[in-house]
PDB file of N, CA and C in Angstrom:
ATOM      1  N   MET A   1       0.854  -1.184   0.000  1.00  0.00           N
ATOM      2  CA  MET A   1       0.000   0.000   0.000  1.00  0.00           C
ATOM      3  C   MET A   1       0.897   1.244   0.000  1.00  0.00           C
ATOM      4  N   THR A   2       0.518   2.260  -0.723  1.00  0.00           N
ATOM      5  CA  THR A   2       1.313   3.478  -0.826  1.00  0.00           C
ATOM      6  C   THR A   2       0.693   4.595   0.001  1.00  0.00           C
ATOM      7  N   ASP A   3       1.482   5.640   0.240  1.00  0.00           N
ATOM      8  CA  ASP A   3       0.964   6.814   0.926  1.00  0.00           C
ATOM      9  C   ASP A   3      -0.117   7.441   0.054  1.00  0.00           C
ATOM     10  N   ARG A   4      -1.079   8.099   0.687  1.00  0.00           N
ATOM     11  CA  ARG A   4      -2.179   8.699  -0.056  1.00  0.00           C
ATOM     12  C   ARG A   4      -2.569  10.030   0.575  1.00  0.00           C
ATOM     13  N   GLU A   5      -3.069  10.936  -0.264  1.00  0.00           N
ATOM     14  CA  GLU A   5      -3.481  12.247   0.218  1.00  0.00           C
ATOM     15  C   GLU A   5      -4.970  12.242   0.524  1.00  0.00           C
ATOM     16  N   VAL A   6      -5.325  12.873   1.657  1.00  0.00           N
ATOM     17  CA  VAL A   6      -6.730  13.045   2.021  1.00  0.00           C
ATOM     18  C   VAL A   6      -6.954  14.472   2.489  1.00  0.00           C
ATOM     19  N   ARG A   7      -8.182  14.880   2.406  1.00  0.00           N
ATOM     20  CA  ARG A   7      -8.601  16.185   2.935  1.00  0.00           C
ATOM     21  C   ARG A   7      -9.136  15.927   4.337  1.00  0.00           C
ATOM     22  N   LEU A   8      -8.572  16.604   5.317  1.00  0.00           N
ATOM     23  CA  LEU A   8      -9.039  16.520   6.696  1.00  0.00           C
ATOM     24  C   LEU A   8      -9.780  17.797   7.027  1.00  0.00           C
ATOM     25  N   VAL A   9     -10.947  17.656   7.632  1.00  0.00           N
ATOM     26  CA  VAL A   9     -11.775  18.796   8.004  1.00  0.00           C
ATOM     27  C   VAL A   9     -12.015  18.713   9.510  1.00  0.00           C
ATOM     28  N   TYR A  10     -11.843  19.842  10.193  1.00  0.00           N
ATOM     29  CA  TYR A  10     -11.978  19.876  11.644  1.00  0.00           C
ATOM     30  C   TYR A  10     -13.157  20.761  12.029  1.00  0.00           C
ATOM     31  N   PHE A  11     -13.898  20.344  13.050  1.00  0.00           N
ATOM     32  CA  PHE A  11     -15.079  21.086  13.485  1.00  0.00           C
ATOM     33  C   PHE A  11     -14.999  21.464  14.956  1.00  0.00           C
ATOM     34  N   SER A  12     -15.666  22.577  15.295  1.00  0.00           N
ATOM     35  CA  SER A  12     -15.858  23.049  16.659  1.00  0.00           C
ATOM     36  C   SER A  12     -14.508  23.233  17.367  1.00  0.00           C
ATOM     37  N   TRP A  13     -14.408  22.771  18.631  1.00  0.00           N
ATOM     38  CA  TRP A  13     -13.172  23.021  19.368  1.00  0.00           C
ATOM     39  C   TRP A  13     -11.993  22.215  18.836  1.00  0.00           C
ATOM     40  N   VAL A  14     -12.219  21.166  18.074  1.00  0.00           N
ATOM     41  CA  VAL A  14     -11.098  20.474  17.429  1.00  0.00           C
ATOM     42  C   VAL A  14     -10.428  21.454  16.462  1.00  0.00           C
ATOM     43  N   ARG A  15     -11.225  22.151  15.659  1.00  0.00           N
ATOM     44  CA  ARG A  15     -10.708  23.159  14.716  1.00  0.00           C
ATOM     45  C   ARG A  15      -9.999  24.288  15.469  1.00  0.00           C
ATOM     46  N   GLU A  16     -10.615  24.757  16.531  1.00  0.00           N
ATOM     47  CA  GLU A  16     -10.029  25.863  17.278  1.00  0.00           C
ATOM     48  C   GLU A  16      -8.678  25.483  17.885  1.00  0.00           C
ATOM     49  N   ARG A  17      -8.578  24.277  18.411  1.00  0.00           N
ATOM     50  CA  ARG A  17      -7.330  23.848  19.046  1.00  0.00           C
ATOM     51  C   ARG A  17      -6.232  23.556  18.034  1.00  0.00           C
ATOM     52  N   ILE A  18      -6.594  22.999  16.883  1.00  0.00           N
ATOM     53  CA  ILE A  18      -5.590  22.720  15.859  1.00  0.00           C
ATOM     54  C   ILE A  18      -5.177  24.006  15.154  1.00  0.00           C
ATOM     55  N   GLY A  19      -6.129  24.932  14.999  1.00  0.00           N
ATOM     56  CA  GLY A  19      -5.805  26.237  14.442  1.00  0.00           C
ATOM     57  C   GLY A  19      -6.082  26.395  12.957  1.00  0.00           C
ATOM     58  N   VAL A  20      -6.627  25.369  12.321  1.00  0.00           N
ATOM     59  CA  VAL A  20      -7.001  25.448  10.910  1.00  0.00           C
ATOM     60  C   VAL A  20      -8.320  24.705  10.712  1.00  0.00           C
ATOM     61  N   PRO A  21      -9.149  25.155   9.767  1.00  0.00           N
ATOM     62  CA  PRO A  21     -10.414  24.457   9.534  1.00  0.00           C
ATOM     63  C   PRO A  21     -10.252  23.158   8.759  1.00  0.00           C
ATOM     64  N   GLU A  22      -9.194  23.093   7.946  1.00  0.00           N
ATOM     65  CA  GLU A  22      -8.956  21.883   7.148  1.00  0.00           C
ATOM     66  C   GLU A  22      -7.520  21.881   6.664  1.00  0.00           C
ATOM     67  N   GLU A  23      -7.093  20.713   6.228  1.00  0.00           N
ATOM     68  CA  GLU A  23      -5.769  20.577   5.642  1.00  0.00           C
ATOM     69  C   GLU A  23      -5.735  19.337   4.762  1.00  0.00           C
ATOM     70  N   ARG A  24      -4.808  19.337   3.843  1.00  0.00           N
ATOM     71  CA  ARG A  24      -4.562  18.160   2.997  1.00  0.00           C
ATOM     72  C   ARG A  24      -3.260  17.548   3.484  1.00  0.00           C
ATOM     73  N   LEU A  25      -3.316  16.242   3.739  1.00  0.00           N
ATOM     74  CA  LEU A  25      -2.134  15.547   4.221  1.00  0.00           C
ATOM     75  C   LEU A  25      -1.933  14.258   3.455  1.00  0.00           C
ATOM     76  N   VAL A  26      -0.693  13.878   3.317  1.00  0.00           N
ATOM     77  CA  VAL A  26      -0.362  12.565   2.791  1.00  0.00           C
ATOM     78  C   VAL A  26      -0.234  11.647   4.003  1.00  0.00           C
ATOM     79  N   LEU A  27      -1.085  10.630   4.048  1.00  0.00           N
ATOM     80  CA  LEU A  27      -1.084   9.702   5.173  1.00  0.00           C
ATOM     81  C   LEU A  27      -0.083   8.584   4.932  1.00  0.00           C
ATOM     82  N   PRO A  28       0.661   8.213   5.951  1.00  0.00           N
ATOM     83  CA  PRO A  28       1.547   7.060   5.818  1.00  0.00           C
ATOM     84  C   PRO A  28       0.742   5.800   5.500  1.00  0.00           C
ATOM     85  N   SER A  29       1.364   4.861   4.844  1.00  0.00           N
ATOM     86  CA  SER A  29       0.669   3.651   4.408  1.00  0.00           C
ATOM     87  C   SER A  29       0.174   2.794   5.566  1.00  0.00           C
ATOM     88  N   ASP A  30       0.727   2.971   6.764  1.00  0.00           N
ATOM     89  CA  ASP A  30       0.285   2.153   7.898  1.00  0.00           C
ATOM     90  C   ASP A  30      -0.933   2.733   8.618  1.00  0.00           C
ATOM     91  N   ILE A  31      -1.468   3.841   8.140  1.00  0.00           N
ATOM     92  CA  ILE A  31      -2.698   4.398   8.706  1.00  0.00           C
ATOM     93  C   ILE A  31      -3.863   3.725   7.977  1.00  0.00           C
ATOM     94  N   ILE A  32      -4.496   2.770   8.638  1.00  0.00           N
ATOM     95  CA  ILE A  32      -5.532   1.950   8.021  1.00  0.00           C
ATOM     96  C   ILE A  32      -6.930   2.317   8.508  1.00  0.00           C
ATOM     97  N   THR A  33      -7.060   2.590   9.799  1.00  0.00           N
ATOM     98  CA  THR A  33      -8.380   2.848  10.387  1.00  0.00           C
ATOM     99  C   THR A  33      -8.505   4.292  10.854  1.00  0.00           C
ATOM    100  N   ALA A  34      -9.735   4.688  11.148  1.00  0.00           N
ATOM    101  CA  ALA A  34      -9.991   6.027  11.691  1.00  0.00           C
ATOM    102  C   ALA A  34      -9.230   6.223  12.999  1.00  0.00           C
ATOM    103  N   GLY A  35      -9.189   5.193  13.830  1.00  0.00           N
ATOM    104  CA  GLY A  35      -8.449   5.279  15.093  1.00  0.00           C
ATOM    105  C   GLY A  35      -6.959   5.465  14.870  1.00  0.00           C
ATOM    106  N   ASP A  36      -6.404   4.761  13.884  1.00  0.00           N
ATOM    107  CA  ASP A  36      -4.989   4.955  13.535  1.00  0.00           C
ATOM    108  C   ASP A  36      -4.737   6.415  13.180  1.00  0.00           C
ATOM    109  N   LEU A  37      -5.647   6.992  12.400  1.00  0.00           N
ATOM    110  CA  LEU A  37      -5.494   8.379  11.975  1.00  0.00           C
ATOM    111  C   LEU A  37      -5.496   9.326  13.162  1.00  0.00           C
ATOM    112  N   VAL A  38      -6.460   9.180  14.045  1.00  0.00           N
ATOM    113  CA  VAL A  38      -6.555  10.078  15.195  1.00  0.00           C
ATOM    114  C   VAL A  38      -5.294   9.978  16.052  1.00  0.00           C
ATOM    115  N   ARG A  39      -4.829   8.756  16.298  1.00  0.00           N
ATOM    116  CA  ARG A  39      -3.607   8.578  17.104  1.00  0.00           C
ATOM    117  C   ARG A  39      -2.391   9.171  16.399  1.00  0.00           C
ATOM    118  N   TRP A  40      -2.289   8.981  15.079  1.00  0.00           N
ATOM    119  CA  TRP A  40      -1.164   9.532  14.321  1.00  0.00           C
ATOM    120  C   TRP A  40      -1.189  11.056  14.315  1.00  0.00           C
ATOM    121  N   LEU A  41      -2.372  11.632  14.077  1.00  0.00           N
ATOM    122  CA  LEU A  41      -2.479  13.094  14.063  1.00  0.00           C
ATOM    123  C   LEU A  41      -2.022  13.700  15.386  1.00  0.00           C
ATOM    124  N   ALA A  42      -2.322  13.027  16.492  1.00  0.00           N
ATOM    125  CA  ALA A  42      -1.952  13.538  17.814  1.00  0.00           C
ATOM    126  C   ALA A  42      -0.443  13.621  18.008  1.00  0.00           C
ATOM    127  N   THR A  43       0.328  12.952  17.153  1.00  0.00           N
ATOM    128  CA  THR A  43       1.787  12.995  17.260  1.00  0.00           C
ATOM    129  C   THR A  43       2.411  14.068  16.376  1.00  0.00           C
ATOM    130  N   ARG A  44       1.616  14.755  15.565  1.00  0.00           N
ATOM    131  CA  ARG A  44       2.159  15.697  14.584  1.00  0.00           C
ATOM    132  C   ARG A  44       2.775  16.935  15.210  1.00  0.00           C
ATOM    133  N   ASP A  45       2.091  17.531  16.175  1.00  0.00           N
ATOM    134  CA  ASP A  45       2.593  18.737  16.825  1.00  0.00           C
ATOM    135  C   ASP A  45       1.779  18.981  18.094  1.00  0.00           C
ATOM    136  N   ASP A  46       2.137  20.026  18.825  1.00  0.00           N
ATOM    137  CA  ASP A  46       1.465  20.307  20.099  1.00  0.00           C
ATOM    138  C   ASP A  46      -0.012  20.631  19.919  1.00  0.00           C
ATOM    139  N   ALA A  47      -0.366  21.347  18.862  1.00  0.00           N
ATOM    140  CA  ALA A  47      -1.771  21.713  18.637  1.00  0.00           C
ATOM    141  C   ALA A  47      -2.620  20.475  18.386  1.00  0.00           C
ATOM    142  N   HIS A  48      -2.151  19.580  17.543  1.00  0.00           N
ATOM    143  CA  HIS A  48      -2.888  18.345  17.284  1.00  0.00           C
ATOM    144  C   HIS A  48      -2.947  17.488  18.550  1.00  0.00           C
ATOM    145  N   ALA A  49      -1.843  17.425  19.283  1.00  0.00           N
ATOM    146  CA  ALA A  49      -1.829  16.647  20.529  1.00  0.00           C
ATOM    147  C   ALA A  49      -2.856  17.183  21.517  1.00  0.00           C
ATOM    148  N   PHE A  50      -2.951  18.506  21.634  1.00  0.00           N
ATOM    149  CA  PHE A  50      -3.920  19.121  22.540  1.00  0.00           C
ATOM    150  C   PHE A  50      -5.348  18.817  22.089  1.00  0.00           C
ATOM    151  N   ALA A  51      -5.621  18.974  20.807  1.00  0.00           N
ATOM    152  CA  ALA A  51      -6.976  18.758  20.293  1.00  0.00           C
ATOM    153  C   ALA A  51      -7.398  17.301  20.399  1.00  0.00           C
ATOM    154  N   LEU A  52      -6.456  16.390  20.292  1.00  0.00           N
ATOM    155  CA  LEU A  52      -6.782  14.961  20.213  1.00  0.00           C
ATOM    156  C   LEU A  52      -6.281  14.189  21.432  1.00  0.00           C
ATOM    157  N   GLN A  53      -6.168  14.882  22.552  1.00  0.00           N
ATOM    158  CA  GLN A  53      -5.619  14.261  23.754  1.00  0.00           C
ATOM    159  C   GLN A  53      -6.491  13.141  24.319  1.00  0.00           C
ATOM    160  N   SER A  54      -7.746  13.113  23.974  1.00  0.00           N
ATOM    161  CA  SER A  54      -8.655  12.025  24.374  1.00  0.00           C
ATOM    162  C   SER A  54      -9.218  11.399  23.102  1.00  0.00           C
ATOM    163  N   PRO A  55      -8.423  10.577  22.419  1.00  0.00           N
ATOM    164  CA  PRO A  55      -8.818  10.090  21.099  1.00  0.00           C
ATOM    165  C   PRO A  55     -10.160   9.368  21.068  1.00  0.00           C
ATOM    166  N   SER A  56     -10.516   8.662  22.122  1.00  0.00           N
ATOM    167  CA  SER A  56     -11.768   7.900  22.101  1.00  0.00           C
ATOM    168  C   SER A  56     -12.999   8.793  22.072  1.00  0.00           C
ATOM    169  N   THR A  57     -12.844  10.066  22.418  1.00  0.00           N
ATOM    170  CA  THR A  57     -13.995  10.973  22.399  1.00  0.00           C
ATOM    171  C   THR A  57     -14.199  11.644  21.039  1.00  0.00           C
ATOM    172  N   ILE A  58     -13.206  11.544  20.169  1.00  0.00           N
ATOM    173  CA  ILE A  58     -13.292  12.203  18.861  1.00  0.00           C
ATOM    174  C   ILE A  58     -14.182  11.387  17.928  1.00  0.00           C
ATOM    175  N   ARG A  59     -15.116  12.053  17.306  1.00  0.00           N
ATOM    176  CA  ARG A  59     -15.988  11.412  16.313  1.00  0.00           C
ATOM    177  C   ARG A  59     -15.393  11.634  14.928  1.00  0.00           C
ATOM    178  N   VAL A  60     -15.582  10.644  14.068  1.00  0.00           N
ATOM    179  CA  VAL A  60     -14.973  10.669  12.743  1.00  0.00           C
ATOM    180  C   VAL A  60     -16.046  10.434  11.684  1.00  0.00           C
ATOM    181  N   ALA A  61     -15.963  11.185  10.595  1.00  0.00           N
ATOM    182  CA  ALA A  61     -16.809  10.947   9.425  1.00  0.00           C
ATOM    183  C   ALA A  61     -15.892  10.756   8.223  1.00  0.00           C
ATOM    184  N   VAL A  62     -16.155   9.717   7.467  1.00  0.00           N
ATOM    185  CA  VAL A  62     -15.395   9.425   6.247  1.00  0.00           C
ATOM    186  C   VAL A  62     -16.325   9.659   5.067  1.00  0.00           C
ATOM    187  N   ASP A  63     -15.926  10.577   4.212  1.00  0.00           N
ATOM    188  CA  ASP A  63     -16.741  10.942   3.056  1.00  0.00           C
ATOM    189  C   ASP A  63     -18.194  11.200   3.469  1.00  0.00           C
ATOM    190  N   GLN A  64     -18.333  11.963   4.560  1.00  0.00           N
ATOM    191  CA  GLN A  64     -19.602  12.461   5.103  1.00  0.00           C
ATOM    192  C   GLN A  64     -20.479  11.379   5.739  1.00  0.00           C
ATOM    193  N   MET A  65     -19.884  10.253   6.120  1.00  0.00           N
ATOM    194  CA  MET A  65     -20.608   9.197   6.835  1.00  0.00           C
ATOM    195  C   MET A  65     -19.888   8.938   8.149  1.00  0.00           C
ATOM    196  N   HIS A  66     -20.609   9.062   9.277  1.00  0.00           N
ATOM    197  CA  HIS A  66     -19.997   8.785  10.573  1.00  0.00           C
ATOM    198  C   HIS A  66     -19.559   7.338  10.641  1.00  0.00           C
ATOM    199  N   VAL A  67     -18.358   7.115  11.193  1.00  0.00           N
ATOM    200  CA  VAL A  67     -17.799   5.770  11.290  1.00  0.00           C
ATOM    201  C   VAL A  67     -17.209   5.555  12.681  1.00  0.00           C
ATOM    202  N   SER A  68     -17.007   4.294  13.024  1.00  0.00           N
ATOM    203  CA  SER A  68     -16.339   3.963  14.278  1.00  0.00           C
ATOM    204  C   SER A  68     -14.826   4.049  14.074  1.00  0.00           C
ATOM    205  N   HIS A  69     -14.104   4.046  15.163  1.00  0.00           N
ATOM    206  CA  HIS A  69     -12.647   4.178  15.085  1.00  0.00           C
ATOM    207  C   HIS A  69     -11.982   2.957  14.463  1.00  0.00           C
ATOM    208  N   ASP A  70     -12.681   1.834  14.376  1.00  0.00           N
ATOM    209  CA  ASP A  70     -12.074   0.654  13.750  1.00  0.00           C
ATOM    210  C   ASP A  70     -12.424   0.535  12.264  1.00  0.00           C
ATOM    211  N   GLU A  71     -13.095   1.536  11.726  1.00  0.00           N
ATOM    212  CA  GLU A  71     -13.466   1.543  10.302  1.00  0.00           C
ATOM    213  C   GLU A  71     -12.249   1.854   9.429  1.00  0.00           C
ATOM    214  N   ALA A  72     -12.102   1.125   8.333  1.00  0.00           N
ATOM    215  CA  ALA A  72     -11.008   1.377   7.387  1.00  0.00           C
ATOM    216  C   ALA A  72     -11.211   2.716   6.679  1.00  0.00           C
ATOM    217  N   ILE A  73     -10.112   3.432   6.477  1.00  0.00           N
ATOM    218  CA  ILE A  73     -10.163   4.732   5.797  1.00  0.00           C
ATOM    219  C   ILE A  73      -9.306   4.731   4.544  1.00  0.00           C
ATOM    220  N   THR A  74      -8.914   3.573   4.091  1.00  0.00           N
ATOM    221  CA  THR A  74      -7.962   3.481   2.976  1.00  0.00           C
ATOM    222  C   THR A  74      -8.490   4.040   1.666  1.00  0.00           C
ATOM    223  N   GLU A  75      -9.792   4.117   1.497  1.00  0.00           N
ATOM    224  CA  GLU A  75     -10.371   4.660   0.258  1.00  0.00           C
ATOM    225  C   GLU A  75     -10.940   6.071   0.451  1.00  0.00           C
ATOM    226  N   ALA A  76     -10.736   6.649   1.623  1.00  0.00           N
ATOM    227  CA  ALA A  76     -11.336   7.947   1.957  1.00  0.00           C
ATOM    228  C   ALA A  76     -10.738   9.085   1.133  1.00  0.00           C
ATOM    229  N   ARG A  77     -11.601  10.000   0.742  1.00  0.00           N
ATOM    230  CA  ARG A  77     -11.167  11.245   0.099  1.00  0.00           C
ATOM    231  C   ARG A  77     -11.192  12.393   1.105  1.00  0.00           C
ATOM    232  N   GLU A  78     -12.202  12.355   2.002  1.00  0.00           N
ATOM    233  CA  GLU A  78     -12.355  13.397   3.019  1.00  0.00           C
ATOM    234  C   GLU A  78     -12.643  12.737   4.356  1.00  0.00           C
ATOM    235  N   ILE A  79     -11.968  13.224   5.389  1.00  0.00           N
ATOM    236  CA  ILE A  79     -12.181  12.727   6.739  1.00  0.00           C
ATOM    237  C   ILE A  79     -12.404  13.934   7.636  1.00  0.00           C
ATOM    238  N   ALA A  80     -13.497  13.898   8.384  1.00  0.00           N
ATOM    239  CA  ALA A  80     -13.823  14.993   9.287  1.00  0.00           C
ATOM    240  C   ALA A  80     -13.699  14.520  10.730  1.00  0.00           C
ATOM    241  N   LEU A  81     -13.195  15.392  11.584  1.00  0.00           N
ATOM    242  CA  LEU A  81     -13.061  15.091  13.007  1.00  0.00           C
ATOM    243  C   LEU A  81     -13.927  16.067  13.787  1.00  0.00           C
ATOM    244  N   PHE A  82     -14.685  15.513  14.721  1.00  0.00           N
ATOM    245  CA  PHE A  82     -15.638  16.268  15.528  1.00  0.00           C
ATOM    246  C   PHE A  82     -15.396  16.000  17.005  1.00  0.00           C
ATOM    247  N   PRO A  83     -15.709  16.966  17.853  1.00  0.00           N
ATOM    248  CA  PRO A  83     -15.725  16.679  19.290  1.00  0.00           C
ATOM    249  C   PRO A  83     -16.982  15.865  19.607  1.00  0.00           C
ATOM    250  N   PRO A  84     -17.082  15.364  20.836  1.00  0.00           N
ATOM    251  CA  PRO A  84     -18.302  14.655  21.217  1.00  0.00           C
ATOM    252  C   PRO A  84     -19.513  15.569  21.038  1.00  0.00           C
ATOM    253  N   MET A  85     -20.612  14.980  20.628  1.00  0.00           N
ATOM    254  CA  MET A  85     -21.854  15.753  20.451  1.00  0.00           C
ATOM    255  C   MET A  85     -22.529  15.936  21.793  1.00  0.00           C
ATOM    256  N   THR A  86     -23.078  17.105  21.988  1.00  0.00           N
ATOM    257  CA  THR A  86     -23.871  17.362  23.183  1.00  0.00           C
ATOM    258  C   THR A  86     -25.253  17.793  22.739  1.00  0.00           C
ATOM    259  N   GLY A  87     -26.175  17.628  23.581  1.00  0.00           N
ATOM    260  CA  GLY A  87     -27.542  18.010  23.207  1.00  0.00           C
ATOM    261  C   GLY A  87     -28.309  18.472  24.421  1.00  0.00           C
ATOM    262  N   GLY A  88     -29.498  18.867  24.146  1.00  0.00           N
ATOM    263  CA  GLY A  88     -30.280  19.332  25.273  1.00  0.00           C
ATOM    264  C   GLY A  88     -31.719  19.522  24.878  1.00  0.00           C
TER     265      GLY A  88
END
């Protein structure tokens, strides 16, 4: 498997903590699942580490469909990261 480029989109306080609304990144070939991605992103720099310090709470959407952290992302074009949803 080769490295691949994806569009990452960040929402709410994830966006605020990372400091950008979106970015295009080339993912290493060993990033297979949504959980792999979240853990890898947290190692990129201090802003990503701060935003993703509790990886299990981050929600992920692949090509606009919410997925679990064990979902494969190898064919993804766009991946969005969200904080936990709250309601009332």
